[in-house]
Amino acid sequence: MHRRVLLLASIAAALILCGCDRSSSGDPATPALALPSTADELPTADADAFRGLLADLQGTPVVVNLWASWCEPCKREMPMLSRAASDHPDVQFLGVDTLDSREGAEEFIAEYSVPFPSLFDPDAAIRTELGSFGLPVTVFFDAEGNEVAKVDGELGQSTLDERLAEIAG
């Protein structure tokens, strides 16, 4: 957990110090999307902001899980993902709440004690960017930012363990 806090602080400091002002609209007045500092922050993100955030996370393996509060398989797999996030502080877990309401998402985060940050994607732009159509979806990126694996549908423990070993070394 300590490493994750340091990573978040480093990203925030780098964005401030380098004056990064990349945005999905190309408008230099709009700041880049930073990794949310808490699980319940839920900033709205589109595909461009998501790609930028992944680029900012290069150097760290990343697991992205697309979920929604109304999705039954998402509910079943979230406790497993939450445990994995706590057990793997060297991997950045990132949720993407897809086609949902903020109220439903906030209740889901609280009910399942989700320990990792999530983005709010009300139009499924990120899901489309990842080439998926249903929920849940889990995508594994290595530290260089390469997509290593994608699971469309409910994730099982053995698959999660195998993919984490693959990206975390």
C-alpha atoms as a PDB file:
ATOM      1  CA  MET A   1       0.000   0.000   0.000  1.00  0.00           C
ATOM      2  CA  HIS A   2       2.908   2.327   0.828  1.00  0.00           C
ATOM      3  CA  ARG A   3       4.312   1.871  -2.687  1.00  0.00           C
ATOM      4  CA  ARG A   4       0.917   2.725  -4.214  1.00  0.00           C
ATOM      5  CA  VAL A   5       0.725   5.964  -2.184  1.00  0.00           C
ATOM      6  CA  LEU A   6       4.232   6.873  -3.343  1.00  0.00           C
ATOM      7  CA  LEU A   7       3.263   6.114  -6.945  1.00  0.00           C
ATOM      8  CA  LEU A   8       0.195   8.342  -6.711  1.00  0.00           C
ATOM      9  CA  ALA A   9       2.213  11.154  -5.126  1.00  0.00           C
ATOM     10  CA  SER A  10       4.902  10.825  -7.798  1.00  0.00           C
ATOM     11  CA  ILE A  11       2.375  10.998 -10.619  1.00  0.00           C
ATOM     12  CA  ALA A  12       0.697  14.055  -9.112  1.00  0.00           C
ATOM     13  CA  ALA A  13       4.057  15.776  -8.569  1.00  0.00           C
ATOM     14  CA  ALA A  14       5.209  14.991 -12.103  1.00  0.00           C
ATOM     15  CA  LEU A  15       2.023  16.413 -13.588  1.00  0.00           C
ATOM     16  CA  ILE A  16       2.400  19.596 -11.573  1.00  0.00           C
ATOM     17  CA  LEU A  17       6.136  20.018 -12.167  1.00  0.00           C
ATOM     18  CA  CYS A  18       6.128  19.322 -15.887  1.00  0.00           C
ATOM     19  CA  GLY A  19       3.069  21.451 -16.487  1.00  0.00           C
ATOM     20  CA  CYS A  20       1.400  18.617 -18.353  1.00  0.00           C
ATOM     21  CA  ASP A  21      -1.773  19.861 -19.921  1.00  0.00           C
ATOM     22  CA  ARG A  22      -2.691  17.043 -22.246  1.00  0.00           C
ATOM     23  CA  SER A  23      -6.402  16.479 -22.579  1.00  0.00           C
ATOM     24  CA  SER A  24      -8.824  14.569 -24.713  1.00  0.00           C
ATOM     25  CA  SER A  25      -9.946  17.751 -26.408  1.00  0.00           C
ATOM     26  CA  GLY A  26      -6.424  19.009 -27.075  1.00  0.00           C
ATOM     27  CA  ASP A  27      -7.288  22.175 -25.142  1.00  0.00           C
ATOM     28  CA  PRO A  28      -4.166  23.176 -23.197  1.00  0.00           C
ATOM     29  CA  ALA A  29      -6.327  24.812 -20.515  1.00  0.00           C
ATOM     30  CA  THR A  30      -7.774  21.429 -19.530  1.00  0.00           C
ATOM     31  CA  PRO A  31      -5.481  19.397 -17.230  1.00  0.00           C
ATOM     32  CA  ALA A  32      -4.690  15.736 -17.856  1.00  0.00           C
ATOM     33  CA  LEU A  33      -6.652  13.090 -15.996  1.00  0.00           C
ATOM     34  CA  ALA A  34      -4.685  11.950 -12.960  1.00  0.00           C
ATOM     35  CA  LEU A  35      -5.063   8.604 -11.253  1.00  0.00           C
ATOM     36  CA  PRO A  36      -7.819   9.018  -8.660  1.00  0.00           C
ATOM     37  CA  SER A  37      -6.413   9.062  -5.153  1.00  0.00           C
ATOM     38  CA  THR A  38      -9.371   7.252  -3.567  1.00  0.00           C
ATOM     39  CA  ALA A  39     -11.686   4.462  -4.682  1.00  0.00           C
ATOM     40  CA  ASP A  40     -14.771   6.669  -4.462  1.00  0.00           C
ATOM     41  CA  GLU A  41     -13.446   9.664  -6.414  1.00  0.00           C
ATOM     42  CA  LEU A  42     -14.818   8.385  -9.792  1.00  0.00           C
ATOM     43  CA  PRO A  43     -13.671  11.040 -12.281  1.00  0.00           C
ATOM     44  CA  THR A  44     -15.427  10.901 -15.645  1.00  0.00           C
ATOM     45  CA  ALA A  45     -13.121   9.667 -18.392  1.00  0.00           C
ATOM     46  CA  ASP A  46     -13.306   9.087 -22.111  1.00  0.00           C
ATOM     47  CA  ALA A  47     -11.079   6.931 -24.303  1.00  0.00           C
ATOM     48  CA  ASP A  48      -8.449   9.648 -24.808  1.00  0.00           C
ATOM     49  CA  ALA A  49      -8.167  10.377 -21.086  1.00  0.00           C
ATOM     50  CA  PHE A  50      -7.938   6.640 -20.387  1.00  0.00           C
ATOM     51  CA  ARG A  51      -5.097   6.195 -22.911  1.00  0.00           C
ATOM     52  CA  GLY A  52      -3.290   9.150 -21.343  1.00  0.00           C
ATOM     53  CA  LEU A  53      -3.664   7.699 -17.866  1.00  0.00           C
ATOM     54  CA  LEU A  54      -2.289   4.337 -19.039  1.00  0.00           C
ATOM     55  CA  ALA A  55       0.679   6.155 -20.570  1.00  0.00           C
ATOM     56  CA  ASP A  56       1.281   7.930 -17.243  1.00  0.00           C
ATOM     57  CA  LEU A  57       1.275   4.548 -15.480  1.00  0.00           C
ATOM     58  CA  GLN A  58       4.044   3.093 -17.656  1.00  0.00           C
ATOM     59  CA  GLY A  59       6.669   1.540 -15.438  1.00  0.00           C
ATOM     60  CA  THR A  60       4.019  -0.228 -13.368  1.00  0.00           C
ATOM     61  CA  PRO A  61       1.994  -3.312 -14.298  1.00  0.00           C
ATOM     62  CA  VAL A  62      -1.708  -2.443 -14.529  1.00  0.00           C
ATOM     63  CA  VAL A  63      -4.920  -4.453 -14.239  1.00  0.00           C
ATOM     64  CA  VAL A  64      -7.994  -2.676 -15.614  1.00  0.00           C
ATOM     65  CA  ASN A  65     -11.394  -4.066 -14.653  1.00  0.00           C
ATOM     66  CA  LEU A  66     -14.557  -2.773 -16.322  1.00  0.00           C
ATOM     67  CA  TRP A  67     -17.599  -3.217 -14.105  1.00  0.00           C
ATOM     68  CA  ALA A  68     -21.069  -1.863 -13.327  1.00  0.00           C
ATOM     69  CA  SER A  69     -23.213  -1.952 -10.204  1.00  0.00           C
ATOM     70  CA  TRP A  70     -26.008  -3.790 -12.042  1.00  0.00           C
ATOM     71  CA  CYS A  71     -23.689  -6.516 -13.421  1.00  0.00           C
ATOM     72  CA  GLU A  72     -24.040  -9.811 -11.521  1.00  0.00           C
ATOM     73  CA  PRO A  73     -20.712 -11.322 -12.714  1.00  0.00           C
ATOM     74  CA  CYS A  74     -19.023  -8.042 -11.701  1.00  0.00           C
ATOM     75  CA  LYS A  75     -20.427  -8.467  -8.202  1.00  0.00           C
ATOM     76  CA  ARG A  76     -19.136 -12.024  -7.999  1.00  0.00           C
ATOM     77  CA  GLU A  77     -15.587 -11.224  -9.125  1.00  0.00           C
ATOM     78  CA  MET A  78     -15.040  -7.950  -7.244  1.00  0.00           C
ATOM     79  CA  PRO A  79     -14.123  -9.531  -3.860  1.00  0.00           C
ATOM     80  CA  MET A  80     -11.439 -11.586  -5.637  1.00  0.00           C
ATOM     81  CA  LEU A  81     -10.098  -8.498  -7.448  1.00  0.00           C
ATOM     82  CA  SER A  82     -10.109  -6.497  -4.215  1.00  0.00           C
ATOM     83  CA  ARG A  83      -8.048  -9.189  -2.461  1.00  0.00           C
ATOM     84  CA  ALA A  84      -5.638  -9.360  -5.394  1.00  0.00           C
ATOM     85  CA  ALA A  85      -5.161  -5.582  -5.346  1.00  0.00           C
ATOM     86  CA  SER A  86      -4.318  -5.713  -1.648  1.00  0.00           C
ATOM     87  CA  ASP A  87      -2.012  -8.725  -2.142  1.00  0.00           C
ATOM     88  CA  HIS A  88      -0.149  -7.146  -5.096  1.00  0.00           C
ATOM     89  CA  PRO A  89       0.906  -3.594  -4.137  1.00  0.00           C
ATOM     90  CA  ASP A  90       3.371  -3.641  -7.050  1.00  0.00           C
ATOM     91  CA  VAL A  91       0.461  -3.772  -9.520  1.00  0.00           C
ATOM     92  CA  GLN A  92      -1.853  -0.815 -10.108  1.00  0.00           C
ATOM     93  CA  PHE A  93      -5.478  -1.939 -10.246  1.00  0.00           C
ATOM     94  CA  LEU A  94      -7.881   0.441 -11.971  1.00  0.00           C
ATOM     95  CA  GLY A  95     -11.635   0.048 -12.244  1.00  0.00           C
ATOM     96  CA  VAL A  96     -13.810   1.507 -14.971  1.00  0.00           C
ATOM     97  CA  ASP A  97     -17.470   1.880 -14.012  1.00  0.00           C
ATOM     98  CA  THR A  98     -19.276   1.422 -17.324  1.00  0.00           C
ATOM     99  CA  LEU A  99     -22.833   2.348 -18.393  1.00  0.00           C
ATOM    100  CA  ASP A 100     -23.844   3.002 -14.801  1.00  0.00           C
ATOM    101  CA  SER A 101     -25.099   5.755 -12.530  1.00  0.00           C
ATOM    102  CA  ARG A 102     -22.779   7.516 -10.103  1.00  0.00           C
ATOM    103  CA  GLU A 103     -25.110   6.594  -7.243  1.00  0.00           C
ATOM    104  CA  GLY A 104     -25.028   2.918  -8.186  1.00  0.00           C
ATOM    105  CA  ALA A 105     -21.251   3.029  -8.582  1.00  0.00           C
ATOM    106  CA  GLU A 106     -20.710   4.669  -5.210  1.00  0.00           C
ATOM    107  CA  GLU A 107     -22.939   2.077  -3.511  1.00  0.00           C
ATOM    108  CA  PHE A 108     -21.063  -0.751  -5.281  1.00  0.00           C
ATOM    109  CA  ILE A 109     -17.658   0.615  -4.195  1.00  0.00           C
ATOM    110  CA  ALA A 110     -18.849   0.866  -0.591  1.00  0.00           C
ATOM    111  CA  GLU A 111     -20.623  -2.514  -0.533  1.00  0.00           C
ATOM    112  CA  TYR A 112     -17.647  -4.423  -1.958  1.00  0.00           C
ATOM    113  CA  SER A 113     -14.979  -2.345  -0.172  1.00  0.00           C
ATOM    114  CA  VAL A 114     -13.198  -1.736  -3.473  1.00  0.00           C
ATOM    115  CA  PRO A 115      -9.664  -0.629  -2.503  1.00  0.00           C
ATOM    116  CA  PHE A 116      -8.521   0.624  -5.900  1.00  0.00           C
ATOM    117  CA  PRO A 117      -9.521   3.733  -7.863  1.00  0.00           C
ATOM    118  CA  SER A 118     -12.106   3.684 -10.625  1.00  0.00           C
ATOM    119  CA  LEU A 119     -13.039   5.931 -13.510  1.00  0.00           C
ATOM    120  CA  PHE A 120     -16.627   6.731 -14.488  1.00  0.00           C
ATOM    121  CA  ASP A 121     -17.392   5.840 -18.131  1.00  0.00           C
ATOM    122  CA  PRO A 122     -21.130   6.480 -18.586  1.00  0.00           C
ATOM    123  CA  ASP A 123     -21.033   6.028 -22.382  1.00  0.00           C
ATOM    124  CA  ALA A 124     -18.795   2.895 -22.520  1.00  0.00           C
ATOM    125  CA  ALA A 125     -16.168   4.768 -24.558  1.00  0.00           C
ATOM    126  CA  ILE A 126     -13.339   3.005 -22.717  1.00  0.00           C
ATOM    127  CA  ARG A 127     -14.954  -0.405 -23.186  1.00  0.00           C
ATOM    128  CA  THR A 128     -15.262   0.321 -26.910  1.00  0.00           C
ATOM    129  CA  GLU A 129     -11.628   1.496 -27.008  1.00  0.00           C
ATOM    130  CA  LEU A 130     -10.607  -1.855 -25.526  1.00  0.00           C
ATOM    131  CA  GLY A 131     -12.591  -3.722 -28.197  1.00  0.00           C
ATOM    132  CA  SER A 132     -15.129  -5.288 -25.858  1.00  0.00           C
ATOM    133  CA  PHE A 133     -18.902  -5.314 -25.760  1.00  0.00           C
ATOM    134  CA  GLY A 134     -20.118  -6.892 -22.519  1.00  0.00           C
ATOM    135  CA  LEU A 135     -19.211  -6.737 -18.838  1.00  0.00           C
ATOM    136  CA  PRO A 136     -17.122  -7.527 -16.952  1.00  0.00           C
ATOM    137  CA  VAL A 137     -13.858  -7.118 -18.837  1.00  0.00           C
ATOM    138  CA  THR A 138     -10.393  -7.374 -17.298  1.00  0.00           C
ATOM    139  CA  VAL A 139      -7.280  -6.243 -19.174  1.00  0.00           C
ATOM    140  CA  PHE A 140      -3.703  -6.876 -18.057  1.00  0.00           C
ATOM    141  CA  PHE A 141      -0.887  -4.497 -19.053  1.00  0.00           C
ATOM    142  CA  ASP A 142       2.811  -5.099 -18.409  1.00  0.00           C
ATOM    143  CA  ALA A 143       5.094  -2.379 -17.017  1.00  0.00           C
ATOM    144  CA  GLU A 144       5.907  -1.201 -20.554  1.00  0.00           C
ATOM    145  CA  GLY A 145       2.226  -0.508 -21.185  1.00  0.00           C
ATOM    146  CA  ASN A 146       1.667  -3.476 -23.506  1.00  0.00           C
ATOM    147  CA  GLU A 147      -1.651  -5.292 -23.332  1.00  0.00           C
ATOM    148  CA  VAL A 148      -0.709  -8.825 -22.305  1.00  0.00           C
ATOM    149  CA  ALA A 149      -4.148 -10.389 -21.904  1.00  0.00           C
ATOM    150  CA  LYS A 150      -7.841  -9.578 -21.877  1.00  0.00           C
ATOM    151  CA  VAL A 151     -10.657 -11.559 -20.304  1.00  0.00           C
ATOM    152  CA  ASP A 152     -14.151 -10.807 -21.594  1.00  0.00           C
ATOM    153  CA  GLY A 153     -16.578 -12.119 -19.000  1.00  0.00           C
ATOM    154  CA  GLU A 154     -16.256 -13.218 -15.416  1.00  0.00           C
ATOM    155  CA  LEU A 155     -12.697 -13.749 -14.240  1.00  0.00           C
ATOM    156  CA  GLY A 156     -11.697 -16.902 -12.358  1.00  0.00           C
ATOM    157  CA  GLN A 157      -9.070 -17.125  -9.622  1.00  0.00           C
ATOM    158  CA  SER A 158      -6.654 -19.306 -11.602  1.00  0.00           C
ATOM    159  CA  THR A 159      -6.767 -16.981 -14.621  1.00  0.00           C
ATOM    160  CA  LEU A 160      -6.248 -13.950 -12.389  1.00  0.00           C
ATOM    161  CA  ASP A 161      -3.265 -15.605 -10.687  1.00  0.00           C
ATOM    162  CA  GLU A 162      -1.714 -16.635 -14.028  1.00  0.00           C
ATOM    163  CA  ARG A 163      -2.102 -13.183 -15.568  1.00  0.00           C
ATOM    164  CA  LEU A 164      -0.781 -11.405 -12.465  1.00  0.00           C
ATOM    165  CA  ALA A 165       2.300 -13.648 -12.507  1.00  0.00           C
ATOM    166  CA  GLU A 166       2.758 -12.804 -16.178  1.00  0.00           C
ATOM    167  CA  ILE A 167       2.699  -9.012 -15.709  1.00  0.00           C
ATOM    168  CA  ALA A 168       4.258  -8.717 -12.266  1.00  0.00           C
ATOM    169  CA  GLY A 169       7.123 -11.118 -12.926  1.00  0.00           C
END
